[in-house]
Amino acid sequence: MLADRVADMCGYRLLIEMDEVRLDLESGQAWFEDVDIAALDGIIIKKIGARYSPNLLDRLEILRFLAERRLKVFSSPMRVMRVLDRLSCTVTLRLAGIPVPPTTVTEDVRQAKRAVEAYGEAVFKPLYTSKARGMVVVRQGEDVQRAIDAYRRENPIMYIQKKIDIQEKDLGIVFIGGEYLTTYARCKQNDSWNTSTASGAKYEAFDPPTEIIELAKKAQALFDLYFTCVDVALTKQGPYVFEVSAFGGFRGIQETRDIDPATRCVEYVVGQIRG
């Protein structure tokens, strides 16, 4: 969709698969098929892999090299790196005073058990994931040791958050070029603990109060992405920001609003390139 909008506006369409790119550090060229992408006017990062993983950081390093030389990349690869890793994103948010759920980070099983005891219910989250993939809920009084051992085999650094009562929905608050675009809600349709669409949640339109939009705007400004979605939960304890998305999706906007997000993104990027 995004590539089609680029073609409509610029008369040129190239959808790049990063696992097929060859970077030559000596010449500064980066070949995808028969195109030197280093010679393009700009590149838009929409997705950079089918699943979040540390391998994506290496793909971003290729784009960082090109961006440091002259290529305009949206968003800056360095900025994307800061949100791709869940821990890096959370640390940045917390240092800026953004409210995030109570969080523990540890490699030690004993400390992880203490976090579960303190939280009552805890969500163990892989550092690189989306749509709640790989996340595990661990409850005090259950077989905590076995659950932690099983999780730690795949995730030696354990990122643990207190399970928050999200009141059946959370919000996706969308920004382009740092300016507010719209908000949608992800609403649970079953007894799943999360609001991921992969778990059956549905999108609905939602208009948050101004103070929530301002909170999300402050959160996304820490990373300065050309397009992002800030995940916010409205709880009885107040709002919590779960994350600022490295690669915000279009579907929630399309299904709930009369807005073409791809066109809005391309208009912003072309305007930045043309100056």
Protein backbone atom coordinates (compact mmCIF):
# COMPACT_ATOMS: atom_id res chain seq x y z
CA MET A 1 0.00 0.00 0.00
CA LEU A 2 2.73 2.45 0.96
CA ALA A 3 4.73 1.61 -2.18
CA ASP A 4 1.63 2.17 -4.31
CA ARG A 5 1.12 5.62 -2.78
CA VAL A 6 4.77 6.48 -3.50
CA ALA A 7 4.20 5.47 -7.13
CA ASP A 8 1.06 7.61 -7.32
CA MET A 9 2.90 10.66 -6.03
CA CYS A 10 6.40 10.18 -7.44
CA GLY A 11 5.97 7.89 -10.44
CA TYR A 12 8.41 5.31 -9.06
CA ARG A 13 7.81 2.16 -7.01
CA LEU A 14 10.41 -0.03 -5.32
CA LEU A 15 9.58 -2.39 -2.46
CA ILE A 16 12.88 -3.46 -0.89
CA GLU A 17 13.44 -6.74 0.98
CA MET A 18 16.33 -6.10 3.37
CA ASP A 19 17.44 -9.74 3.43
CA GLU A 20 18.24 -9.36 -0.29
CA VAL A 21 20.37 -6.22 0.02
CA ARG A 22 24.17 -6.29 -0.46
CA LEU A 23 26.10 -3.42 1.16
CA ASP A 24 29.60 -2.67 -0.12
CA LEU A 25 31.31 -0.60 2.58
CA GLU A 26 34.22 0.30 0.30
CA SER A 27 32.16 1.87 -2.48
CA GLY A 28 29.21 2.89 -0.32
CA GLN A 29 26.84 1.17 -2.70
CA ALA A 30 23.94 -0.99 -1.50
CA TRP A 31 22.38 -3.21 -4.11
CA PHE A 32 18.84 -4.56 -4.16
CA GLU A 33 18.38 -6.54 -7.37
CA ASP A 34 19.90 -4.14 -9.96
CA VAL A 35 19.24 -0.92 -8.03
CA ASP A 36 21.80 0.92 -5.91
CA ILE A 37 19.49 2.08 -3.13
CA ALA A 38 22.20 4.44 -1.86
CA ALA A 39 21.48 6.60 -4.93
CA LEU A 40 17.77 7.02 -4.17
CA ASP A 41 16.31 10.29 -2.88
CA GLY A 42 14.93 8.55 0.20
CA ILE A 43 13.73 5.33 1.81
CA ILE A 44 10.69 4.79 4.02
CA ILE A 45 11.01 2.05 6.63
CA LYS A 46 7.64 0.40 7.10
CA LYS A 47 8.64 -3.08 8.18
CA ILE A 48 12.14 -4.46 8.29
CA GLY A 49 11.37 -8.12 9.01
CA ALA A 50 8.45 -10.49 9.46
CA ARG A 51 9.11 -10.78 13.21
CA TYR A 52 10.85 -8.61 15.77
CA SER A 53 14.30 -9.98 16.61
CA PRO A 54 17.85 -8.75 17.34
CA ASN A 55 18.65 -9.59 13.69
CA LEU A 56 16.68 -6.52 12.67
CA LEU A 57 19.32 -4.36 14.33
CA ASP A 58 21.86 -5.53 11.77
CA ARG A 59 19.52 -4.63 8.91
CA LEU A 60 19.11 -1.21 10.48
CA GLU A 61 22.92 -0.87 10.62
CA ILE A 62 22.99 -1.17 6.83
CA LEU A 63 20.52 1.69 6.57
CA ARG A 64 22.40 3.66 9.24
CA PHE A 65 25.53 3.51 7.10
CA LEU A 66 23.60 4.84 4.10
CA ALA A 67 21.87 7.51 6.16
CA GLU A 68 25.15 8.75 7.62
CA ARG A 69 26.52 9.24 4.11
CA ARG A 70 23.60 11.07 2.46
CA LEU A 71 20.49 8.94 2.01
CA LYS A 72 17.35 10.29 3.71
CA VAL A 73 15.74 7.48 5.71
CA PHE A 74 12.35 7.72 7.42
CA SER A 75 12.57 7.10 10.30
CA SER A 76 16.23 7.49 11.19
CA PRO A 77 17.68 3.97 11.73
CA MET A 78 19.23 5.07 15.03
CA ARG A 79 15.84 6.25 16.27
CA VAL A 80 14.18 3.01 15.23
CA MET A 81 16.85 1.05 17.13
CA ARG A 82 15.94 2.89 20.33
CA VAL A 83 12.34 1.66 20.23
CA LEU A 84 12.86 -1.75 18.65
CA ASP A 85 14.32 -3.14 21.89
CA ARG A 86 11.51 -3.13 24.49
CA LEU A 87 13.91 -2.43 27.36
CA SER A 88 15.55 0.52 25.61
CA CYS A 89 12.13 1.99 24.88
CA THR A 90 10.90 1.54 28.46
CA VAL A 91 14.07 2.98 30.02
CA THR A 92 13.81 6.07 27.81
CA LEU A 93 10.13 6.55 28.71
CA ARG A 94 10.72 6.09 32.43
CA LEU A 95 13.70 8.46 32.55
CA ALA A 96 11.48 11.10 30.95
CA GLY A 97 8.82 10.67 33.62
CA ILE A 98 6.32 8.90 31.37
CA PRO A 99 4.09 6.55 33.42
CA VAL A 100 4.78 2.91 32.52
CA PRO A 101 3.57 -0.23 34.34
CA PRO A 102 5.78 -1.33 37.27
CA THR A 103 8.69 -3.13 35.61
CA THR A 104 11.54 -5.40 36.69
CA VAL A 105 14.54 -6.42 34.60
CA THR A 106 16.80 -9.26 35.75
CA GLU A 107 18.77 -12.30 34.65
CA ASP A 108 18.42 -13.93 38.08
CA VAL A 109 15.62 -16.44 38.70
CA ARG A 110 15.40 -15.60 42.39
CA GLN A 111 14.92 -11.92 41.62
CA ALA A 112 12.30 -12.81 39.02
CA LYS A 113 10.38 -14.80 41.64
CA ARG A 114 10.51 -11.82 43.98
CA ALA A 115 9.03 -9.64 41.24
CA VAL A 116 6.13 -12.08 40.78
CA GLU A 117 5.55 -12.06 44.55
CA ALA A 118 5.52 -8.25 44.58
CA TYR A 119 3.21 -7.92 41.56
CA GLY A 120 0.85 -10.85 42.25
CA GLU A 121 0.43 -11.30 38.50
CA ALA A 122 3.29 -10.54 36.14
CA VAL A 123 3.73 -10.52 32.38
CA PHE A 124 7.09 -11.79 31.13
CA LYS A 125 7.79 -10.06 27.80
CA PRO A 126 10.51 -10.86 25.26
CA LEU A 127 12.63 -7.83 24.42
CA TYR A 128 11.86 -8.18 20.70
CA THR A 129 8.25 -9.00 19.98
CA SER A 130 4.92 -7.60 18.81
CA LYS A 131 1.24 -8.50 19.17
CA ALA A 132 1.95 -10.20 22.53
CA ARG A 133 3.93 -13.02 20.86
CA GLY A 134 6.03 -14.95 23.34
CA MET A 135 4.57 -13.18 26.37
CA VAL A 136 3.75 -15.28 29.44
CA VAL A 137 1.54 -14.45 32.44
CA VAL A 138 2.93 -15.81 35.73
CA ARG A 139 0.81 -15.73 38.90
CA GLN A 140 1.86 -15.93 42.50
CA GLY A 141 0.88 -19.26 44.05
CA GLU A 142 1.18 -21.22 40.81
CA ASP A 143 4.29 -23.16 39.76
CA VAL A 144 6.35 -19.99 39.44
CA GLN A 145 9.73 -21.74 39.33
CA ARG A 146 8.76 -23.94 36.39
CA ALA A 147 7.19 -21.04 34.47
CA ILE A 148 10.25 -18.84 34.95
CA ASP A 149 12.67 -21.63 34.02
CA ALA A 150 10.73 -22.34 30.82
CA TYR A 151 10.63 -18.65 29.87
CA ARG A 152 14.29 -18.05 30.71
CA ARG A 153 15.49 -20.79 28.35
CA GLU A 154 14.52 -18.51 25.45
CA ASN A 155 14.94 -15.16 27.24
CA PRO A 156 18.01 -14.94 29.50
CA ILE A 157 17.29 -11.26 30.20
CA MET A 158 13.85 -11.23 31.78
CA TYR A 159 11.67 -8.16 31.29
CA ILE A 160 8.80 -8.43 33.77
CA GLN A 161 5.83 -6.08 34.13
CA LYS A 162 3.01 -6.03 36.62
CA LYS A 163 -0.17 -7.19 34.91
CA ILE A 164 -2.39 -4.14 34.56
CA ASP A 165 -6.20 -4.10 34.49
CA ILE A 166 -6.74 -2.35 31.16
CA GLN A 167 -10.55 -2.14 31.43
CA GLU A 168 -11.19 -4.29 28.32
CA LYS A 169 -9.33 -1.98 25.90
CA ASP A 170 -6.18 -0.05 25.22
CA LEU A 171 -5.48 2.76 22.79
CA GLY A 172 -3.33 3.29 19.73
CA ILE A 173 -2.58 7.02 19.49
CA VAL A 174 -1.09 7.85 16.09
CA PHE A 175 1.37 10.58 15.06
CA ILE A 176 2.91 11.62 11.74
CA GLY A 177 5.91 13.92 11.87
CA GLY A 178 5.28 14.44 15.57
CA GLU A 179 1.75 15.76 14.98
CA TYR A 180 -1.34 13.99 16.27
CA LEU A 181 -3.35 12.15 13.58
CA THR A 182 -5.98 9.98 15.28
CA THR A 183 -6.73 7.36 17.94
CA TYR A 184 -8.27 3.91 17.82
CA ALA A 185 -8.97 1.34 20.53
CA ARG A 186 -8.15 -2.37 20.59
CA CYS A 187 -11.09 -4.00 22.39
CA LYS A 188 -11.09 -7.52 23.84
CA GLN A 189 -13.73 -9.87 22.44
CA ASN A 190 -12.97 -12.88 24.66
CA ASP A 191 -11.30 -13.77 27.95
CA SER A 192 -7.76 -13.17 26.64
CA TRP A 193 -5.49 -11.30 29.05
CA ASN A 194 -4.31 -8.94 26.28
CA THR A 195 -5.85 -6.76 23.57
CA SER A 196 -3.72 -7.97 20.69
CA THR A 197 -5.60 -8.49 17.44
CA ALA A 198 -3.73 -11.80 17.23
CA SER A 199 -5.76 -12.79 20.33
CA GLY A 200 -9.07 -11.75 18.78
CA ALA A 201 -9.33 -8.07 19.75
CA LYS A 202 -11.22 -5.73 17.41
CA TYR A 203 -10.55 -2.14 16.46
CA GLU A 204 -12.97 0.63 17.40
CA ALA A 205 -12.87 4.40 17.04
CA PHE A 206 -12.00 6.27 20.23
CA ASP A 207 -11.54 9.94 21.07
CA PRO A 208 -9.31 10.34 24.14
CA PRO A 209 -9.25 13.47 26.31
CA THR A 210 -6.69 16.12 25.47
CA GLU A 211 -4.43 15.25 28.40
CA ILE A 212 -4.03 11.67 27.12
CA ILE A 213 -3.11 12.91 23.64
CA GLU A 214 -0.56 15.26 25.20
CA LEU A 215 0.92 12.41 27.24
CA ALA A 216 1.28 10.28 24.11
CA LYS A 217 2.75 13.22 22.21
CA LYS A 218 5.38 13.68 24.91
CA ALA A 219 6.21 9.96 24.77
CA GLN A 220 6.64 9.81 20.99
CA ALA A 221 8.68 13.02 20.91
CA LEU A 222 11.45 11.19 22.80
CA PHE A 223 12.09 9.09 19.69
CA ASP A 224 11.23 11.49 16.82
CA LEU A 225 9.84 8.89 14.39
CA TYR A 226 8.16 10.01 11.17
CA PHE A 227 5.19 7.69 11.89
CA THR A 228 4.37 5.89 15.11
CA CYS A 229 1.63 4.61 17.35
CA VAL A 230 1.78 5.06 21.13
CA ASP A 231 0.10 2.26 23.09
CA VAL A 232 -1.74 3.69 26.11
CA ALA A 233 -3.94 2.01 28.71
CA LEU A 234 -6.50 3.95 30.74
CA THR A 235 -6.70 2.36 34.18
CA LYS A 236 -8.17 3.16 37.58
CA GLN A 237 -4.63 4.10 38.66
CA GLY A 238 -4.29 6.53 35.73
CA PRO A 239 -2.84 6.18 32.22
CA TYR A 240 0.11 3.93 31.43
CA VAL A 241 2.20 4.00 28.27
CA PHE A 242 3.14 0.47 27.20
CA GLU A 243 5.34 1.35 24.25
CA VAL A 244 6.08 3.62 21.32
CA SER A 245 5.93 1.50 18.19
CA ALA A 246 8.93 1.19 15.91
CA PHE A 247 6.69 0.25 12.97
CA GLY A 248 3.16 1.52 13.56
CA GLY A 249 0.42 -0.33 11.70
CA PHE A 250 -2.21 1.08 9.34
CA ARG A 251 -5.08 -1.34 9.90
CA GLY A 252 -6.49 0.18 13.08
CA ILE A 253 -6.69 3.58 11.37
CA GLN A 254 -8.25 2.19 8.21
CA GLU A 255 -10.93 0.20 10.02
CA THR A 256 -12.03 3.00 12.34
CA ARG A 257 -11.44 6.30 10.56
CA ASP A 258 -11.97 7.85 7.15
CA ILE A 259 -8.22 8.40 6.81
CA ASP A 260 -5.69 6.99 4.33
CA PRO A 261 -2.57 6.71 6.54
CA ALA A 262 -0.32 5.62 3.67
CA THR A 263 -1.10 8.79 1.71
CA ARG A 264 -0.52 10.93 4.79
CA CYS A 265 2.85 9.28 5.37
CA VAL A 266 4.03 9.72 1.79
CA GLU A 267 2.90 13.35 1.73
CA TYR A 268 4.96 13.99 4.86
CA VAL A 269 8.07 12.18 3.55
CA VAL A 270 7.97 13.83 0.11
CA GLY A 271 7.59 17.21 1.77
CA GLN A 272 10.67 16.53 3.91
CA ILE A 273 12.75 15.40 0.92
CA ARG A 274 11.77 18.35 -1.24
CA GLY A 275 12.33 20.72 1.67
